[in-house]
């Protein structure tokens, strides 16, 4: 439990630590992944029954060896396979709870990091799109976009009747955090737009409902239930990270590095997984 608490405290401190490292997303992903790899094996060590796992793995190895040594004796091979199946079930039972206790806070951490690393902020003079989705096509004509100083609408809105969406093309004059407003049926709904260098906390979409979708993709308060607008989205460019001659999505890179470092720490610390 101490290891799990360390993960939760680490994720809580992430908000304050990301911005100073804003120009180094690769370094940030690698550093966090190595730390998480270490914490995962430490958590597994303290919440798992290491002796039982060791005995179960030894029995599995013995039965696998029996299959190879007595492959010409069918009854012995069948008994060995039955013990392997039972032993695999025992191992999964022993490993499931520790893995679950490690994965849940790590999932929370990934969701929070994705706010910073999933997309790149906009830059001045860069065109971008804002999309508003509504419940019915009739509501499309009642929607109006209002932009603050620093943002300009660079093209007339496009009404996609089939998709029940209105799309605007905008551009920023300078760096800043802007709240644009969409008026619909007498209501005014705000959406944050971030124009910044390096890494910044982004919320690509503001949603009306869909609790779990908001937890995963939106960092803003839900839209009111009585509005006809179901979502307002700012289309940020997706972020890719160059590493070992490849372009990586940060989550894939995070998992590869954290799992690799976890197995290295497992061997160094003598932890049975």
Protein backbone atom coordinates (compact mmCIF):
# COMPACT_ATOMS: atom_id res chain seq x y z
CA UNK A 1 0.00 0.00 0.00
CA UNK A 2 2.93 2.35 0.60
CA UNK A 3 4.02 1.95 -3.01
CA UNK A 4 0.50 2.71 -4.26
CA UNK A 5 0.36 5.84 -2.10
CA UNK A 6 3.66 6.95 -3.65
CA UNK A 7 2.13 6.65 -7.14
CA UNK A 8 -0.91 8.72 -6.14
CA UNK A 9 1.28 11.43 -4.58
CA UNK A 10 3.48 11.42 -7.68
CA UNK A 11 0.46 11.98 -9.96
CA UNK A 12 -0.78 14.80 -7.70
CA UNK A 13 2.59 16.55 -7.95
CA UNK A 14 2.65 16.18 -11.74
CA UNK A 15 0.64 19.33 -12.43
CA UNK A 16 3.28 21.54 -10.86
CA UNK A 17 6.27 19.75 -12.34
CA UNK A 18 5.36 19.55 -16.02
CA UNK A 19 5.42 23.19 -17.00
CA UNK A 20 9.09 23.86 -16.06
CA UNK A 21 10.08 20.88 -18.24
CA UNK A 22 7.90 22.12 -21.06
CA UNK A 23 10.55 21.92 -23.80
CA UNK A 24 11.50 18.29 -23.14
CA UNK A 25 8.54 15.92 -23.70
CA UNK A 26 10.86 13.01 -24.55
CA UNK A 27 12.88 13.47 -21.37
CA UNK A 28 9.68 13.81 -19.37
CA UNK A 29 8.13 10.60 -20.75
CA UNK A 30 11.35 8.61 -20.25
CA UNK A 31 11.89 9.88 -16.71
CA UNK A 32 8.30 9.25 -15.60
CA UNK A 33 8.24 5.82 -17.28
CA UNK A 34 11.41 4.68 -15.48
CA UNK A 35 10.06 5.89 -12.12
CA UNK A 36 6.73 4.16 -12.73
CA UNK A 37 8.54 0.96 -13.76
CA UNK A 38 10.33 0.99 -10.41
CA UNK A 39 7.18 1.80 -8.44
CA UNK A 40 5.22 -0.97 -10.18
CA UNK A 41 7.64 -3.69 -9.09
CA UNK A 42 7.94 -2.23 -5.59
CA UNK A 43 4.14 -2.18 -5.22
CA UNK A 44 3.98 -5.74 -6.55
CA UNK A 45 6.64 -6.82 -4.06
CA UNK A 46 4.81 -5.49 -1.01
CA UNK A 47 1.24 -6.50 -1.89
CA UNK A 48 1.93 -9.94 -3.38
CA UNK A 49 2.71 -13.28 -1.76
CA UNK A 50 6.24 -13.70 -3.05
CA UNK A 51 6.75 -17.16 -1.53
CA UNK A 52 3.54 -18.52 -3.06
CA UNK A 53 4.41 -17.03 -6.44
CA UNK A 54 7.86 -18.61 -6.27
CA UNK A 55 6.45 -22.05 -5.42
CA UNK A 56 3.86 -21.81 -8.20
CA UNK A 57 6.45 -20.83 -10.81
CA UNK A 58 8.76 -23.65 -9.69
CA UNK A 59 5.94 -26.19 -10.10
CA UNK A 60 5.16 -24.81 -13.57
CA UNK A 61 8.81 -25.17 -14.59
CA UNK A 62 8.91 -28.73 -13.24
CA UNK A 63 5.80 -29.74 -15.20
CA UNK A 64 7.11 -28.11 -18.38
CA UNK A 65 10.32 -30.09 -17.94
CA UNK A 66 8.29 -33.28 -17.45
CA UNK A 67 6.53 -32.68 -20.78
CA UNK A 68 9.90 -32.51 -22.54
CA UNK A 69 11.49 -35.46 -20.72
CA UNK A 70 8.55 -37.88 -20.93
CA UNK A 71 7.05 -36.88 -24.28
CA UNK A 72 6.87 -40.58 -25.28
CA UNK A 73 4.71 -41.42 -22.22
CA UNK A 74 1.24 -40.08 -22.94
CA UNK A 75 -0.27 -40.47 -19.41
CA UNK A 76 2.63 -38.59 -17.84
CA UNK A 77 2.40 -35.82 -20.44
CA UNK A 78 -1.37 -35.44 -19.95
CA UNK A 79 -0.95 -35.23 -16.16
CA UNK A 80 1.78 -32.63 -16.61
CA UNK A 81 -0.43 -30.53 -18.91
CA UNK A 82 -3.28 -30.71 -16.37
CA UNK A 83 -0.92 -29.50 -13.61
CA UNK A 84 0.33 -26.71 -15.90
CA UNK A 85 -3.24 -25.55 -16.47
CA UNK A 86 -4.02 -25.61 -12.74
CA UNK A 87 -0.72 -23.90 -11.92
CA UNK A 88 -1.36 -21.16 -14.48
CA UNK A 89 -4.73 -20.45 -12.86
CA UNK A 90 -3.07 -20.28 -9.43
CA UNK A 91 -0.41 -17.90 -10.72
CA UNK A 92 -2.98 -15.59 -12.31
CA UNK A 93 -4.94 -15.53 -9.05
CA UNK A 94 -1.83 -14.63 -7.07
CA UNK A 95 -0.75 -11.93 -9.54
CA UNK A 96 -4.12 -10.34 -10.36
CA UNK A 97 -4.71 -8.35 -7.16
CA UNK A 98 -1.18 -6.83 -7.01
CA UNK A 99 -1.33 -5.88 -10.68
CA UNK A 100 -4.76 -4.33 -10.20
CA UNK A 101 -3.54 -2.26 -7.25
CA UNK A 102 -0.66 -0.96 -9.36
CA UNK A 103 -2.62 -0.40 -12.60
CA UNK A 104 -5.47 1.69 -11.16
CA UNK A 105 -3.35 4.64 -9.93
CA UNK A 106 -1.15 4.38 -13.03
CA UNK A 107 -4.26 4.69 -15.22
CA UNK A 108 -5.20 7.84 -13.32
CA UNK A 109 -1.67 9.17 -13.85
CA UNK A 110 -1.82 8.45 -17.61
CA UNK A 111 -5.12 10.32 -17.93
CA UNK A 112 -3.59 13.35 -16.21
CA UNK A 113 -0.39 13.22 -18.29
CA UNK A 114 -2.39 12.96 -21.49
CA UNK A 115 -3.73 16.45 -20.81
CA UNK A 116 -0.15 17.67 -21.36
CA UNK A 117 1.36 15.18 -23.78
CA UNK A 118 -1.51 13.98 -25.96
CA UNK A 119 -1.67 17.13 -28.10
CA UNK A 120 0.52 20.13 -28.88
CA UNK A 121 -0.66 23.66 -28.08
CA UNK A 122 -1.47 26.03 -30.90
CA UNK A 123 0.93 28.70 -32.13
CA UNK A 124 0.35 32.26 -33.35
CA UNK A 125 -0.64 32.54 -37.03
CA UNK A 126 -1.63 28.83 -37.05
CA UNK A 127 -5.11 28.04 -38.37
CA UNK A 128 -7.20 25.68 -36.27
CA UNK A 129 -10.79 24.43 -36.18
CA UNK A 130 -13.50 24.73 -33.56
CA UNK A 131 -16.42 22.29 -33.80
CA UNK A 132 -19.80 22.50 -32.06
CA UNK A 133 -22.14 19.50 -32.12
CA UNK A 134 -25.87 19.91 -31.54
CA UNK A 135 -28.81 17.61 -30.88
CA UNK A 136 -30.77 18.48 -34.02
CA UNK A 137 -30.02 20.05 -37.38
CA UNK A 138 -32.61 22.77 -36.70
CA UNK A 139 -30.40 24.21 -33.98
CA UNK A 140 -27.48 24.84 -36.35
CA UNK A 141 -28.77 28.20 -37.55
CA UNK A 142 -29.10 29.54 -33.99
CA UNK A 143 -25.43 29.14 -33.12
CA UNK A 144 -23.03 32.09 -33.08
CA UNK A 145 -19.33 32.15 -32.22
CA UNK A 146 -17.86 35.09 -30.31
CA UNK A 147 -14.07 35.38 -30.02
CA UNK A 148 -12.01 37.47 -27.57
CA UNK A 149 -9.23 39.86 -28.61
CA UNK A 150 -6.26 37.86 -29.83
CA UNK A 151 -8.35 35.35 -31.79
CA UNK A 152 -9.79 35.98 -35.25
CA UNK A 153 -12.22 33.98 -37.38
CA UNK A 154 -10.34 33.29 -40.62
CA UNK A 155 -13.17 31.67 -42.63
CA UNK A 156 -16.99 31.59 -42.65
CA UNK A 157 -18.60 28.81 -40.59
CA UNK A 158 -19.41 25.50 -42.27
CA UNK A 159 -22.70 23.79 -41.35
CA UNK A 160 -22.56 20.00 -41.61
CA UNK A 161 -26.25 19.17 -41.47
CA UNK A 162 -25.78 15.40 -41.64
CA UNK A 163 -23.33 15.39 -38.73
CA UNK A 164 -25.24 18.15 -36.89
CA UNK A 165 -22.07 20.21 -36.50
CA UNK A 166 -20.88 23.76 -37.07
CA UNK A 167 -17.17 24.23 -37.84
CA UNK A 168 -15.23 27.50 -37.64
CA UNK A 169 -11.65 28.18 -38.69
CA UNK A 170 -9.74 30.50 -36.37
CA UNK A 171 -6.26 31.89 -35.88
CA UNK A 172 -4.47 33.47 -32.91
CA UNK A 173 -2.46 36.69 -33.12
CA UNK A 174 -0.28 35.93 -30.08
CA UNK A 175 0.35 33.48 -27.27
CA UNK A 176 -2.26 33.29 -24.56
CA UNK A 177 -5.16 31.38 -23.04
CA UNK A 178 -8.47 32.46 -24.51
CA UNK A 179 -12.11 31.77 -23.68
CA UNK A 180 -14.24 31.83 -26.82
CA UNK A 181 -18.03 31.84 -26.42
CA UNK A 182 -20.74 30.09 -28.39
CA UNK A 183 -24.24 31.54 -28.15
CA UNK A 184 -27.15 29.15 -28.64
CA UNK A 185 -30.81 29.76 -27.79
CA UNK A 186 -29.99 32.62 -25.43
CA UNK A 187 -27.20 30.71 -23.66
CA UNK A 188 -23.50 31.53 -23.77
CA UNK A 189 -21.09 28.61 -23.45
CA UNK A 190 -17.33 29.05 -23.06
CA UNK A 191 -14.47 26.91 -24.38
CA UNK A 192 -10.80 27.40 -23.49
CA UNK A 193 -8.23 27.73 -26.30
CA UNK A 194 -4.52 27.48 -25.44
CA UNK A 195 -1.88 29.10 -27.66
CA UNK A 196 1.48 28.42 -26.02
CA UNK A 197 5.01 27.10 -26.62
CA UNK A 198 6.26 23.79 -25.24
CA UNK A 199 3.90 21.75 -23.06
CA UNK A 200 0.62 23.09 -21.69
CA UNK A 201 -2.45 21.53 -20.11
CA UNK A 202 -5.06 21.06 -22.86
CA UNK A 203 -8.69 20.06 -22.93
CA UNK A 204 -9.60 19.27 -26.55
CA UNK A 205 -13.35 18.98 -25.94
CA UNK A 206 -16.01 20.20 -23.54
CA UNK A 207 -18.91 17.75 -23.24
CA UNK A 208 -22.45 17.96 -21.95
CA UNK A 209 -22.75 14.47 -20.48
CA UNK A 210 -20.85 11.16 -20.93
CA UNK A 211 -19.18 11.07 -17.49
CA UNK A 212 -16.44 8.57 -18.38
CA UNK A 213 -15.68 10.26 -21.68
CA UNK A 214 -15.28 13.55 -19.85
CA UNK A 215 -12.92 11.91 -17.35
CA UNK A 216 -10.73 10.63 -20.20
CA UNK A 217 -10.78 13.48 -22.73
CA UNK A 218 -12.06 16.68 -21.12
CA UNK A 219 -10.45 18.82 -18.48
CA UNK A 220 -13.34 21.27 -18.25
CA UNK A 221 -16.68 21.40 -16.49
CA UNK A 222 -19.60 19.72 -18.21
CA UNK A 223 -21.90 21.75 -20.47
CA UNK A 224 -25.33 22.48 -18.96
CA UNK A 225 -27.93 19.74 -19.37
CA UNK A 226 -30.53 22.18 -20.77
CA UNK A 227 -28.44 23.28 -23.75
CA UNK A 228 -28.85 22.00 -27.30
CA UNK A 229 -25.06 21.79 -27.73
CA UNK A 230 -23.65 18.37 -26.87
CA UNK A 231 -19.95 19.20 -27.34
CA UNK A 232 -17.50 21.98 -28.22
CA UNK A 233 -14.11 20.85 -29.53
CA UNK A 234 -10.85 22.59 -30.38
CA UNK A 235 -8.79 20.57 -32.86
CA UNK A 236 -5.26 20.54 -31.49
CA UNK A 237 -2.47 18.80 -33.45
CA UNK A 238 -1.68 15.35 -31.99
CA UNK A 239 1.76 15.10 -30.41
CA UNK A 240 4.35 12.58 -31.58
CA UNK A 241 7.74 12.02 -29.93
CA UNK A 242 10.84 11.07 -31.91
CA UNK A 243 12.76 8.22 -30.26
CA UNK A 244 15.16 5.62 -31.75
CA UNK A 245 14.36 6.63 -35.34
CA UNK A 246 10.59 6.29 -34.86
CA UNK A 247 7.70 8.65 -34.20
CA UNK A 248 5.88 7.49 -31.05
CA UNK A 249 2.56 8.21 -29.47
CA UNK A 250 3.60 9.10 -25.94
CA UNK A 251 1.40 6.45 -24.29
CA UNK A 252 2.94 3.64 -26.36
CA UNK A 253 6.44 4.93 -25.59
CA UNK A 254 5.53 5.21 -21.91
CA UNK A 255 4.34 1.59 -21.74
CA UNK A 256 7.36 0.20 -23.59
CA UNK A 257 9.86 2.06 -21.39
CA UNK A 258 8.01 1.45 -18.11
CA UNK A 259 7.64 -2.29 -18.78
CA UNK A 260 11.27 -2.59 -19.85
CA UNK A 261 12.53 -0.72 -16.80
CA UNK A 262 10.15 -2.72 -14.60
CA UNK A 263 11.66 -6.02 -15.75
CA UNK A 264 15.17 -4.63 -15.22
CA UNK A 265 14.33 -3.47 -11.68
CA UNK A 266 12.65 -6.83 -11.02
CA UNK A 267 15.86 -8.67 -11.76
CA UNK A 268 18.05 -6.22 -9.84
CA UNK A 269 15.82 -6.28 -6.73
CA UNK A 270 15.09 -10.02 -6.92
CA UNK A 271 11.32 -9.58 -7.06
CA UNK A 272 9.22 -12.49 -8.32
CA UNK A 273 6.51 -11.56 -10.84
